[in-house]
């Protein structure tokens, strides 16, 4: 594996069907062993850029491309994908579509086999790369049985096994737990030193602060380029590009000071700004400024007792899980990749039936209830929205559920209109769902469930693959539903989402419920956070250290005398 130099010069790309301009004069370069991260809102051209570099565009997708892409002094724009195989490799945003073998070992072996690598070397690469992504004990597993994060790790391992010189990552860490995301980037950074050049698309700034170059894109153009530590203070640039700014850069701007981006240094810089009363309380309480109360205990809608699941295997996926879901709660269901979060969630609406224990809806065993009784009460939005979309138009997609439960005529039409309005998709009601971008498909998947007005809404990684404005719109919609009395359960690996929106946390670890209580109690417990592979957002770490009861940058800034 030898790192390749890459130069992109004045790259233009226009899709032919439909006629759409995707890239306009994009230029950047990477020396052997360097890492470049590309960020920008959905539709900015990030994935198109990667697909031009690996030859999918224009050789397999009709497009008019101009400019140059030069790999180790050789122009490659327009070359067939096969000619680049083995040197340029890509992990796609839809990693599920990249997995097709019957077990994990065969998945990783497939690429090297196509390159004619000797058998002994293939086995060595399989073992080394599965260990690299912490899947060494999963060699005989069917990839379809892995969690989303494990599938993502497997896709990375299958690509690394080919020893490419240039690795393209299209949001290849979105479904990893926070610690897993950092581990992946640290691993790739170790590999790079002259041996691996990387271009990665990302939506989160925290994990990539140490890379060589950040390219910010807007509407097919490069809006900013430089080292992350240099660009991160340009908040207007980040806003224009639809990228969530760094917590501490934003806090510094709110306080009108130059704040260090390293958390411990920022805490020391901010400590003298603490109001006298707050500083005294911080000293007395040890700096843990997080309110622990949940308020009155809500009426239980769903009750889980002694739940166990093995999927027919020997090792338990869940064991002895007991938990109640109350009316009007906002719950974050968190834990490491593969710990059993999705398995637990799928038992809550009957998608999975308990092998052991019971799940009750309003006191009645779910297994005794017909589907038409459960589905309108407990809605479920899958991690991949494409798994629940099938109709020919957006409006038909939303109408499907209510129509099947007896709604018709003017009442059904009004329900569709109201639901599409709530998720900002009314203008797209006649569009084909599969021609929408990922964010709109995610919103539509939520709409199909909302149309049935459930009392409990479960969402598996609802912000995955969405840019920052789309994430905020999705989360603000959930906040409005919660304010209206809907119980929200969100499975997520985004620390800032948990810290800003959830009230209660359920922490699953190795199939057991390790914690059930107020979110603030979890955020104050370092041992539990480590067990969850959960890394506090920078602003939460600052608030905790300074004794501030703030869930976001605005609240912390106000506590320190700055603008909200």
Protein backbone atom coordinates (compact mmCIF):
# COMPACT_ATOMS: atom_id res chain seq x y z
CA UNK A 1 0.00 0.00 0.00
CA UNK A 2 1.61 3.26 -1.15
CA UNK A 3 -0.09 6.63 -0.82
CA UNK A 4 -0.91 8.35 -4.10
CA UNK A 5 -0.83 12.06 -4.84
CA UNK A 6 -4.13 13.56 -6.00
CA UNK A 7 -4.81 16.81 -7.82
CA UNK A 8 -8.28 18.03 -8.79
CA UNK A 9 -8.15 21.04 -11.12
CA UNK A 10 -11.14 23.14 -12.22
CA UNK A 11 -13.47 20.15 -12.16
CA UNK A 12 -16.91 20.74 -13.66
CA UNK A 13 -19.69 18.16 -13.75
CA UNK A 14 -23.19 18.35 -15.21
CA UNK A 15 -25.53 15.35 -15.02
CA UNK A 16 -27.36 14.66 -18.27
CA UNK A 17 -30.55 13.01 -16.92
CA UNK A 18 -31.93 15.09 -15.40
CA UNK A 19 -29.88 18.04 -16.61
CA UNK A 20 -28.27 19.25 -13.38
CA UNK A 21 -25.06 21.13 -12.69
CA UNK A 22 -23.28 19.41 -9.78
CA UNK A 23 -19.71 20.80 -9.73
CA UNK A 24 -18.37 24.16 -10.88
CA UNK A 25 -14.60 24.61 -10.94
CA UNK A 26 -13.62 22.49 -7.92
CA UNK A 27 -9.88 22.45 -7.19
CA UNK A 28 -7.78 20.95 -4.38
CA UNK A 29 -4.83 18.61 -3.96
CA UNK A 30 -3.50 16.00 -1.54
CA UNK A 31 0.06 14.81 -1.16
CA UNK A 32 0.77 11.11 -0.53
CA UNK A 33 -0.38 10.19 2.96
CA UNK A 34 -2.49 13.33 3.49
CA UNK A 35 -6.12 13.40 4.61
CA UNK A 36 -8.61 15.83 3.08
CA UNK A 37 -12.11 16.18 4.54
CA UNK A 38 -14.95 17.60 2.43
CA UNK A 39 -17.94 19.18 4.18
CA UNK A 40 -21.07 20.98 3.02
CA UNK A 41 -24.84 20.77 2.98
CA UNK A 42 -26.73 18.10 1.05
CA UNK A 43 -26.58 18.81 -2.67
CA UNK A 44 -23.27 20.69 -2.43
CA UNK A 45 -21.59 18.14 -4.71
CA UNK A 46 -19.57 16.13 -2.16
CA UNK A 47 -20.58 12.64 -3.31
CA UNK A 48 -20.36 13.69 -6.96
CA UNK A 49 -16.78 14.78 -6.36
CA UNK A 50 -15.83 11.39 -4.90
CA UNK A 51 -17.57 9.51 -7.72
CA UNK A 52 -15.66 11.52 -10.31
CA UNK A 53 -12.38 10.64 -8.59
CA UNK A 54 -13.10 6.88 -8.53
CA UNK A 55 -14.42 6.80 -12.12
CA UNK A 56 -18.11 6.07 -11.47
CA UNK A 57 -18.76 9.43 -13.12
CA UNK A 58 -18.81 9.69 -16.09
CA UNK A 59 -18.05 6.05 -16.99
CA UNK A 60 -21.17 4.59 -15.29
CA UNK A 61 -23.32 7.70 -14.77
CA UNK A 62 -24.14 9.92 -17.75
CA UNK A 63 -22.49 13.29 -17.16
CA UNK A 64 -20.52 15.98 -18.94
CA UNK A 65 -17.23 16.42 -17.03
CA UNK A 66 -14.48 18.93 -17.69
CA UNK A 67 -11.25 19.78 -15.91
CA UNK A 68 -8.59 17.42 -14.61
CA UNK A 69 -8.20 14.73 -11.98
CA UNK A 70 -4.56 13.67 -11.76
CA UNK A 71 -3.45 10.63 -9.75
CA UNK A 72 0.32 10.31 -9.33
CA UNK A 73 0.87 12.52 -12.41
CA UNK A 74 -1.56 10.45 -14.54
CA UNK A 75 -4.86 12.05 -15.71
CA UNK A 76 -7.74 9.74 -14.76
CA UNK A 77 -10.95 11.73 -15.38
CA UNK A 78 -13.24 9.53 -17.47
CA UNK A 79 -11.21 6.34 -17.06
CA UNK A 80 -13.26 3.15 -16.53
CA UNK A 81 -13.72 2.11 -12.91
CA UNK A 82 -11.95 -1.20 -13.51
CA UNK A 83 -8.70 0.49 -14.46
CA UNK A 84 -8.63 2.27 -11.10
CA UNK A 85 -9.55 -0.78 -9.00
CA UNK A 86 -6.91 -1.66 -6.46
CA UNK A 87 -5.50 1.87 -6.43
CA UNK A 88 -8.65 3.90 -5.70
CA UNK A 89 -11.31 2.48 -3.36
CA UNK A 90 -14.49 3.95 -1.92
CA UNK A 91 -16.76 3.32 1.06
CA UNK A 92 -20.22 4.52 0.06
CA UNK A 93 -22.74 6.46 2.12
CA UNK A 94 -25.18 3.56 1.63
CA UNK A 95 -22.84 0.93 3.03
CA UNK A 96 -25.64 -1.68 3.03
CA UNK A 97 -25.52 -1.66 -0.78
CA UNK A 98 -21.80 -2.46 -0.63
CA UNK A 99 -22.24 -5.72 1.31
CA UNK A 100 -23.38 -8.89 -0.44
CA UNK A 101 -21.39 -11.92 0.77
CA UNK A 102 -22.80 -14.66 3.01
CA UNK A 103 -20.40 -14.08 5.89
CA UNK A 104 -18.03 -11.43 7.20
CA UNK A 105 -14.81 -13.25 6.26
CA UNK A 106 -15.90 -13.70 2.65
CA UNK A 107 -16.91 -10.02 2.46
CA UNK A 108 -13.40 -8.87 3.34
CA UNK A 109 -11.76 -11.51 1.14
CA UNK A 110 -13.77 -10.64 -1.98
CA UNK A 111 -11.81 -7.55 -3.08
CA UNK A 112 -8.32 -9.06 -2.77
CA UNK A 113 -9.55 -12.19 -4.57
CA UNK A 114 -10.60 -10.07 -7.58
CA UNK A 115 -7.13 -8.53 -7.61
CA UNK A 116 -5.48 -11.96 -7.80
CA UNK A 117 -3.85 -11.80 -4.36
CA UNK A 118 -2.44 -15.20 -3.18
CA UNK A 119 -4.63 -17.11 -0.73
CA UNK A 120 -2.29 -16.93 2.25
CA UNK A 121 -1.96 -13.16 1.87
CA UNK A 122 -5.74 -12.81 1.58
CA UNK A 123 -6.22 -14.66 4.88
CA UNK A 124 -3.62 -12.41 6.51
CA UNK A 125 -5.37 -9.30 5.24
CA UNK A 126 -8.79 -10.56 6.33
CA UNK A 127 -7.58 -11.19 9.88
CA UNK A 128 -5.64 -7.92 10.10
CA UNK A 129 -8.43 -5.70 8.80
CA UNK A 130 -11.21 -7.31 10.83
CA UNK A 131 -9.07 -6.78 13.94
CA UNK A 132 -8.52 -3.19 12.82
CA UNK A 133 -12.28 -2.47 12.90
CA UNK A 134 -13.02 -4.63 15.97
CA UNK A 135 -14.90 -7.37 14.10
CA UNK A 136 -12.43 -10.23 14.61
CA UNK A 137 -15.03 -12.28 16.51
CA UNK A 138 -17.66 -11.93 13.75
CA UNK A 139 -16.01 -13.84 10.89
CA UNK A 140 -18.87 -16.34 10.44
CA UNK A 141 -21.70 -13.84 10.90
CA UNK A 142 -24.02 -13.02 8.01
CA UNK A 143 -23.47 -9.28 7.31
CA UNK A 144 -27.24 -8.75 7.30
CA UNK A 145 -27.35 -9.70 11.01
CA UNK A 146 -24.87 -7.00 12.04
CA UNK A 147 -25.87 -3.66 13.51
CA UNK A 148 -25.65 -0.55 11.32
CA UNK A 149 -22.36 0.50 12.90
CA UNK A 150 -20.89 -2.98 12.51
CA UNK A 151 -21.90 -3.03 8.84
CA UNK A 152 -20.15 0.29 8.38
CA UNK A 153 -16.98 -1.09 9.98
CA UNK A 154 -17.20 -4.15 7.73
CA UNK A 155 -17.47 -2.00 4.60
CA UNK A 156 -14.32 -0.13 5.67
CA UNK A 157 -12.45 -3.40 6.34
CA UNK A 158 -13.45 -4.84 2.95
CA UNK A 159 -12.00 -1.79 1.21
CA UNK A 160 -8.80 -1.57 3.27
CA UNK A 161 -8.09 -5.25 2.51
CA UNK A 162 -7.39 -4.27 -1.11
CA UNK A 163 -4.55 -1.98 0.03
CA UNK A 164 -5.61 1.04 -2.05
CA UNK A 165 -3.31 4.03 -2.36
CA UNK A 166 -6.28 6.44 -2.33
CA UNK A 167 -9.24 5.84 -0.02
CA UNK A 168 -12.53 7.72 -0.55
CA UNK A 169 -14.97 7.76 2.38
CA UNK A 170 -18.51 9.04 1.79
CA UNK A 171 -19.76 9.61 5.35
CA UNK A 172 -18.19 6.31 6.37
CA UNK A 173 -18.46 6.97 10.12
CA UNK A 174 -22.04 8.21 10.45
CA UNK A 175 -23.42 5.10 12.18
CA UNK A 176 -20.48 4.52 14.51
CA UNK A 177 -20.71 5.27 18.20
CA UNK A 178 -18.70 8.39 19.21
CA UNK A 179 -15.70 6.42 20.45
CA UNK A 180 -15.85 4.20 17.36
CA UNK A 181 -15.80 7.23 15.09
CA UNK A 182 -12.70 8.60 16.79
CA UNK A 183 -11.09 5.13 16.73
CA UNK A 184 -11.75 4.83 12.99
CA UNK A 185 -10.17 8.17 12.19
CA UNK A 186 -7.21 7.49 14.49
CA UNK A 187 -6.71 4.11 12.82
CA UNK A 188 -6.86 5.63 9.35
CA UNK A 189 -4.49 8.39 10.42
CA UNK A 190 -2.00 5.74 11.60
CA UNK A 191 -2.28 3.95 8.26
CA UNK A 192 -1.81 7.06 6.20
CA UNK A 193 1.83 8.08 6.91
CA UNK A 194 2.94 7.80 3.31
CA UNK A 195 0.90 4.63 2.70
CA UNK A 196 -2.66 5.88 2.35
CA UNK A 197 -4.10 9.11 0.98
CA UNK A 198 -7.67 9.84 2.03
CA UNK A 199 -10.53 12.06 0.91
CA UNK A 200 -13.48 11.83 3.32
CA UNK A 201 -16.93 13.41 3.34
CA UNK A 202 -18.09 14.24 6.88
CA UNK A 203 -20.85 16.21 8.63
CA UNK A 204 -19.27 16.55 12.11
CA UNK A 205 -16.32 18.86 12.76
CA UNK A 206 -15.09 17.47 16.11
CA UNK A 207 -13.62 14.13 14.88
CA UNK A 208 -11.68 15.67 12.01
CA UNK A 209 -9.93 18.65 13.63
CA UNK A 210 -6.53 16.98 13.19
CA UNK A 211 -6.69 16.32 9.43
CA UNK A 212 -4.41 18.04 6.93
CA UNK A 213 -7.03 19.95 4.95
CA UNK A 214 -10.70 20.84 5.16
CA UNK A 215 -12.62 21.70 1.98
CA UNK A 216 -15.98 23.42 2.51
CA UNK A 217 -18.35 23.24 -0.45
CA UNK A 218 -21.43 25.24 -1.36
CA UNK A 219 -23.59 24.62 -4.45
CA UNK A 220 -20.90 22.73 -6.32
CA UNK A 221 -18.09 25.18 -5.59
CA UNK A 222 -15.26 25.33 -3.05
CA UNK A 223 -16.28 27.98 -0.54
CA UNK A 224 -13.29 27.57 1.79
CA UNK A 225 -10.12 25.50 2.00
CA UNK A 226 -7.43 25.20 4.67
CA UNK A 227 -6.52 23.52 7.93
CA UNK A 228 -9.56 22.92 10.17
CA UNK A 229 -8.04 24.92 13.05
CA UNK A 230 -7.80 27.91 10.71
CA UNK A 231 -11.26 27.68 9.17
CA UNK A 232 -13.24 26.74 12.27
CA UNK A 233 -13.52 30.30 13.57
CA UNK A 234 -15.19 31.52 10.35
CA UNK A 235 -18.73 30.90 11.60
CA UNK A 236 -20.33 32.72 8.68
CA UNK A 237 -18.57 30.34 6.27
CA UNK A 238 -19.81 27.31 8.20
CA UNK A 239 -23.34 28.70 8.23
CA UNK A 240 -23.30 29.38 4.47
CA UNK A 241 -22.13 25.82 3.85
CA UNK A 242 -24.73 24.24 6.15
CA UNK A 243 -22.12 22.75 8.51
CA UNK A 244 -22.55 22.63 12.29
CA UNK A 245 -19.86 24.87 13.80
CA UNK A 246 -17.47 23.79 16.54
CA UNK A 247 -19.06 24.33 19.97
CA UNK A 248 -16.11 26.27 21.35
CA UNK A 249 -15.67 28.45 18.28
CA UNK A 250 -19.34 29.38 18.54
CA UNK A 251 -19.11 29.97 22.30
CA UNK A 252 -16.08 32.21 21.82
CA UNK A 253 -18.00 34.28 19.26
CA UNK A 254 -20.99 34.60 21.62
CA UNK A 255 -18.64 35.81 24.38
CA UNK A 256 -16.58 37.97 21.97
CA UNK A 257 -13.29 36.29 22.95
CA UNK A 258 -10.74 34.06 21.19
CA UNK A 259 -11.47 30.77 22.92
CA UNK A 260 -9.10 27.77 22.65
CA UNK A 261 -10.59 24.78 20.83
CA UNK A 262 -9.10 22.32 23.34
CA UNK A 263 -11.67 21.77 26.11
CA UNK A 264 -9.39 21.92 29.17
CA UNK A 265 -7.73 25.11 27.94
CA UNK A 266 -11.15 26.63 27.20
CA UNK A 267 -12.35 25.81 30.72
CA UNK A 268 -9.39 27.61 32.28
CA UNK A 269 -9.94 30.59 29.98
CA UNK A 270 -13.60 30.77 31.00
CA UNK A 271 -13.31 30.14 34.73
CA UNK A 272 -12.62 33.81 35.62
CA UNK A 273 -15.87 34.79 33.84
CA UNK A 274 -18.05 32.76 36.20
CA UNK A 275 -20.49 34.95 38.15
CA UNK A 276 -19.65 35.00 41.87
CA UNK A 277 -22.66 32.98 42.98
CA UNK A 278 -22.13 30.36 40.31
CA UNK A 279 -18.42 30.08 41.09
CA UNK A 280 -19.19 29.54 44.79
CA UNK A 281 -21.74 26.84 44.01
CA UNK A 282 -19.31 25.20 41.60
CA UNK A 283 -16.72 24.99 44.37
CA UNK A 284 -19.25 23.48 46.79
CA UNK A 285 -20.67 20.95 44.31
CA UNK A 286 -17.44 19.93 42.59
CA UNK A 287 -18.32 21.54 39.27
CA UNK A 288 -21.13 19.18 38.23
CA UNK A 289 -23.67 21.70 37.06
CA UNK A 290 -26.34 19.33 35.75
CA UNK A 291 -29.87 19.22 37.16
CA UNK A 292 -30.83 15.62 37.91
CA UNK A 293 -34.61 15.67 38.26
CA UNK A 294 -37.05 14.28 35.69
CA UNK A 295 -40.18 15.70 37.30
CA UNK A 296 -43.37 13.73 37.91
CA UNK A 297 -43.39 10.07 36.86
CA UNK A 298 -45.50 9.82 33.66
CA UNK A 299 -48.20 7.24 33.04
CA UNK A 300 -46.67 4.11 31.52
CA UNK A 301 -47.73 3.27 27.96
CA UNK A 302 -45.27 0.47 27.22
CA UNK A 303 -43.95 -1.90 29.88
CA UNK A 304 -41.09 -4.31 29.18
CA UNK A 305 -40.47 -7.08 31.73
CA UNK A 306 -37.51 -9.50 31.78
CA UNK A 307 -37.06 -9.28 28.02
CA UNK A 308 -34.60 -11.72 26.46
CA UNK A 309 -33.52 -12.32 22.85
CA UNK A 310 -30.91 -14.54 21.20
CA UNK A 311 -32.08 -14.58 17.53
CA UNK A 312 -31.88 -18.33 17.88
CA UNK A 313 -28.16 -18.31 18.71
CA UNK A 314 -26.30 -19.17 21.88
CA UNK A 315 -25.20 -15.71 22.96
CA UNK A 316 -27.92 -13.38 24.29
CA UNK A 317 -28.53 -10.16 22.39
CA UNK A 318 -30.78 -8.93 25.20
CA UNK A 319 -31.16 -10.38 28.67
CA UNK A 320 -33.46 -9.52 31.59
CA UNK A 321 -34.35 -6.05 30.31
CA UNK A 322 -37.10 -4.35 32.30
CA UNK A 323 -38.17 -0.80 31.49
CA UNK A 324 -41.29 1.36 31.25
CA UNK A 325 -41.99 3.99 28.58
CA UNK A 326 -44.18 6.81 29.84
CA UNK A 327 -46.51 9.26 28.15
CA UNK A 328 -44.87 12.43 26.84
CA UNK A 329 -41.23 11.42 27.43
CA UNK A 330 -38.20 12.25 25.25
CA UNK A 331 -35.82 9.31 25.62
CA UNK A 332 -32.37 8.73 24.15
CA UNK A 333 -31.58 5.04 23.65
CA UNK A 334 -27.79 4.84 23.51
CA UNK A 335 -24.89 2.38 23.68
CA UNK A 336 -22.05 0.93 21.65
CA UNK A 337 -22.54 -0.46 18.15
CA UNK A 338 -24.06 -3.94 18.34
CA UNK A 339 -25.11 -3.67 22.00
CA UNK A 340 -28.82 -4.41 21.33
CA UNK A 341 -30.41 -0.96 21.01
CA UNK A 342 -32.29 -1.63 17.78
CA UNK A 343 -33.28 -5.10 18.97
CA UNK A 344 -34.87 -3.58 22.08
CA UNK A 345 -36.62 -0.89 20.05
CA UNK A 346 -38.09 -3.42 17.60
CA UNK A 347 -39.71 -5.27 20.50
CA UNK A 348 -41.58 -2.12 21.53
CA UNK A 349 -43.98 -2.21 18.57
CA UNK A 350 -44.06 -5.93 17.86
CA UNK A 351 -41.59 -6.01 14.95
CA UNK A 352 -39.83 -8.62 17.08
CA UNK A 353 -41.62 -10.97 19.47
CA UNK A 354 -40.01 -11.79 22.82
CA UNK A 355 -38.25 -15.12 23.21
CA UNK A 356 -38.33 -14.43 26.94
CA UNK A 357 -40.35 -11.94 28.97
CA UNK A 358 -43.20 -9.68 27.89
CA UNK A 359 -43.93 -6.32 26.32
CA UNK A 360 -47.27 -4.73 27.23
CA UNK A 361 -49.13 -1.83 25.62
CA UNK A 362 -51.53 -0.22 28.10
CA UNK A 363 -51.21 -3.37 30.20
CA UNK A 364 -52.03 -5.79 27.36
CA UNK A 365 -49.43 -8.25 26.03
CA UNK A 366 -48.35 -7.11 22.55
CA UNK A 367 -48.38 -10.70 21.32
CA UNK A 368 -52.14 -10.88 21.88
CA UNK A 369 -52.88 -7.66 19.99
CA UNK A 370 -53.61 -7.47 16.24
CA UNK A 371 -51.35 -5.32 14.06
CA UNK A 372 -54.09 -2.76 13.48
CA UNK A 373 -54.22 -2.13 17.23
CA UNK A 374 -50.44 -1.65 17.69
CA UNK A 375 -49.29 0.16 14.53
CA UNK A 376 -51.28 3.38 15.06
CA UNK A 377 -50.12 3.56 18.70
CA UNK A 378 -46.38 2.86 18.40
CA UNK A 379 -44.67 4.17 15.24
CA UNK A 380 -41.22 3.07 14.10
CA UNK A 381 -38.90 4.92 11.68
CA UNK A 382 -36.11 2.70 10.38
CA UNK A 383 -32.43 3.61 10.28
CA UNK A 384 -32.53 3.42 6.48
CA UNK A 385 -35.62 5.32 5.24
CA UNK A 386 -35.55 3.37 1.96
CA UNK A 387 -36.61 0.28 3.89
CA UNK A 388 -40.09 1.73 4.41
CA UNK A 389 -40.74 3.68 1.22
CA UNK A 390 -42.44 2.07 -1.78
CA UNK A 391 -45.28 4.24 -3.20
CA UNK A 392 -45.14 6.16 -6.47
CA UNK A 393 -45.62 9.64 -4.96
CA UNK A 394 -44.87 11.36 -1.67
CA UNK A 395 -48.58 11.91 -0.99
CA UNK A 396 -49.42 8.25 -1.64
CA UNK A 397 -46.64 7.21 0.70
CA UNK A 398 -48.13 9.25 3.54
CA UNK A 399 -51.69 8.17 2.78
CA UNK A 400 -50.90 4.45 2.83
CA UNK A 401 -50.97 3.92 6.60
CA UNK A 402 -54.09 5.91 7.50
CA UNK A 403 -55.96 4.48 4.50
CA UNK A 404 -55.24 0.94 5.67
CA UNK A 405 -56.67 1.79 9.08
CA UNK A 406 -59.95 3.13 7.73
CA UNK A 407 -59.36 6.80 6.96
CA UNK A 408 -60.81 7.95 3.62
CA UNK A 409 -62.11 10.90 1.59
CA UNK A 410 -61.69 14.44 2.79
CA UNK A 411 -60.43 13.33 6.20
CA UNK A 412 -57.61 11.31 4.62
CA UNK A 413 -56.70 14.16 2.25
CA UNK A 414 -56.53 16.59 5.16
CA UNK A 415 -54.38 14.19 7.20
CA UNK A 416 -51.91 13.92 4.30
CA UNK A 417 -51.78 17.69 3.84
CA UNK A 418 -51.31 18.36 7.56
CA UNK A 419 -48.57 15.73 7.88
CA UNK A 420 -46.63 16.92 4.83
CA UNK A 421 -46.88 20.49 6.10
CA UNK A 422 -45.47 19.42 9.46
CA UNK A 423 -42.37 17.91 7.83
CA UNK A 424 -41.94 20.66 5.19
CA UNK A 425 -42.66 18.36 2.24
CA UNK A 426 -45.99 19.72 0.99
CA UNK A 427 -44.40 21.22 -2.14
CA UNK A 428 -43.05 17.75 -3.04
CA UNK A 429 -46.30 15.85 -2.63
CA UNK A 430 -46.37 14.66 -6.26
CA UNK A 431 -42.69 13.70 -6.48
CA UNK A 432 -41.31 10.15 -6.66
CA UNK A 433 -39.97 9.34 -3.15
CA UNK A 434 -36.83 7.73 -4.55
CA UNK A 435 -35.89 10.87 -6.46
CA UNK A 436 -35.73 12.87 -3.23
CA UNK A 437 -32.42 13.50 -1.48
CA UNK A 438 -31.52 11.56 1.67
CA UNK A 439 -32.78 14.28 4.02
CA UNK A 440 -36.15 14.52 2.31
CA UNK A 441 -36.50 10.71 2.28
CA UNK A 442 -35.78 10.68 6.00
CA UNK A 443 -38.43 13.35 6.59
CA UNK A 444 -40.87 11.37 4.44
CA UNK A 445 -40.24 8.19 6.43
CA UNK A 446 -41.13 10.12 9.59
CA UNK A 447 -44.21 11.53 7.87
CA UNK A 448 -45.51 8.05 6.96
CA UNK A 449 -45.52 7.18 10.65
CA UNK A 450 -46.76 10.57 11.87
CA UNK A 451 -49.79 10.28 9.60
CA UNK A 452 -51.13 7.59 11.93
CA UNK A 453 -50.80 9.95 14.96
CA UNK A 454 -48.95 7.48 17.22
CA UNK A 455 -48.65 8.03 20.95
CA UNK A 456 -45.09 6.68 20.87
CA UNK A 457 -42.63 7.45 18.05
CA UNK A 458 -39.39 5.42 17.82
CA UNK A 459 -36.66 6.65 15.47
CA UNK A 460 -33.49 4.68 14.70
CA UNK A 461 -30.67 7.13 13.91
CA UNK A 462 -32.98 9.82 12.47
CA UNK A 463 -30.14 12.28 11.71
CA UNK A 464 -27.80 9.85 9.92
CA UNK A 465 -26.67 11.21 6.56
CA UNK A 466 -28.44 14.55 7.03
CA UNK A 467 -26.63 17.86 6.85
CA UNK A 468 -26.84 20.24 9.80
CA UNK A 469 -29.89 22.27 8.64
CA UNK A 470 -31.74 19.03 7.90
CA UNK A 471 -30.78 17.62 11.30
CA UNK A 472 -32.09 20.72 13.05
CA UNK A 473 -35.37 20.60 11.13
CA UNK A 474 -35.82 16.94 12.01
CA UNK A 475 -35.02 17.44 15.69
CA UNK A 476 -37.15 20.56 15.99
CA UNK A 477 -40.05 18.57 14.52
CA UNK A 478 -39.52 15.90 17.18
CA UNK A 479 -39.39 18.60 19.85
CA UNK A 480 -42.75 19.98 18.65
CA UNK A 481 -44.27 16.50 18.68
CA UNK A 482 -42.93 15.96 22.18
CA UNK A 483 -44.37 19.27 23.33
CA UNK A 484 -47.72 18.08 21.96
CA UNK A 485 -47.61 14.96 24.13
CA UNK A 486 -46.02 12.33 21.84
CA UNK A 487 -43.49 10.04 23.52
CA UNK A 488 -40.22 10.16 21.55
CA UNK A 489 -37.56 7.44 21.65
CA UNK A 490 -34.43 8.22 19.61
CA UNK A 491 -31.61 5.77 18.95
CA UNK A 492 -28.61 7.93 18.18
CA UNK A 493 -24.82 8.12 18.25
CA UNK A 494 -24.75 11.94 18.01
CA UNK A 495 -23.70 13.29 21.43
CA UNK A 496 -25.00 16.80 20.77
CA UNK A 497 -28.43 15.46 19.83
CA UNK A 498 -28.65 13.56 23.11
CA UNK A 499 -27.34 16.46 25.19
CA UNK A 500 -29.64 19.10 23.70
CA UNK A 501 -32.93 17.22 23.24
CA UNK A 502 -33.32 14.18 25.50
CA UNK A 503 -34.69 14.21 29.03
CA UNK A 504 -34.18 10.56 29.94
CA UNK A 505 -31.50 8.08 28.89
CA UNK A 506 -31.58 4.32 28.45
CA UNK A 507 -28.06 2.90 28.20
CA UNK A 508 -27.75 -0.61 26.76
CA UNK A 509 -24.51 -2.55 27.12
CA UNK A 510 -23.82 -6.15 26.11
CA UNK A 511 -27.54 -6.90 26.03
CA UNK A 512 -28.36 -5.48 29.44
CA UNK A 513 -29.86 -2.19 30.59
CA UNK A 514 -26.95 -0.48 32.33
CA UNK A 515 -28.73 2.79 33.13
CA UNK A 516 -32.26 4.15 33.14
CA UNK A 517 -32.77 7.64 34.49
CA UNK A 518 -32.42 11.39 33.97
CA UNK A 519 -30.04 12.27 31.17
CA UNK A 520 -28.12 14.64 33.43
CA UNK A 521 -27.32 11.81 35.84
CA UNK A 522 -25.77 9.82 33.00
CA UNK A 523 -23.80 12.82 31.71
CA UNK A 524 -22.30 13.27 35.18
CA UNK A 525 -21.12 9.65 35.49
CA UNK A 526 -17.76 9.06 33.80
CA UNK A 527 -17.84 5.27 34.27
CA UNK A 528 -21.23 4.95 32.57
CA UNK A 529 -20.17 7.27 29.75
CA UNK A 530 -17.15 5.06 29.11
CA UNK A 531 -19.36 1.98 29.09
CA UNK A 532 -21.58 3.67 26.51
CA UNK A 533 -18.62 4.74 24.34
CA UNK A 534 -20.29 8.14 24.67
CA UNK A 535 -18.12 11.24 24.37
CA UNK A 536 -19.60 14.41 25.80
CA UNK A 537 -19.89 17.29 23.33
CA UNK A 538 -17.30 20.01 24.03
CA UNK A 539 -19.96 22.43 25.29
CA UNK A 540 -21.34 19.83 27.72
CA UNK A 541 -17.85 19.17 29.09
CA UNK A 542 -17.36 22.90 29.61
CA UNK A 543 -20.76 23.29 31.31
CA UNK A 544 -20.11 20.34 33.61
CA UNK A 545 -16.65 21.57 34.62
CA UNK A 546 -17.88 25.10 35.32
CA UNK A 547 -21.05 24.07 37.16
CA UNK A 548 -23.38 25.54 34.53
CA UNK A 549 -26.81 24.00 33.92
CA UNK A 550 -26.68 24.51 30.17
CA UNK A 551 -27.68 22.08 27.43
CA UNK A 552 -26.32 24.07 24.48
CA UNK A 553 -23.96 26.88 23.53
CA UNK A 554 -26.61 29.59 23.91
CA UNK A 555 -27.40 28.58 27.51
CA UNK A 556 -23.74 28.39 28.52
CA UNK A 557 -23.03 31.76 26.88
CA UNK A 558 -25.90 33.37 28.81
CA UNK A 559 -24.61 31.92 32.09
CA UNK A 560 -21.21 33.46 31.37
CA UNK A 561 -22.64 36.87 30.58
CA UNK A 562 -22.62 36.63 26.81
CA UNK A 563 -25.35 36.84 24.20
CA UNK A 564 -27.61 33.80 23.69
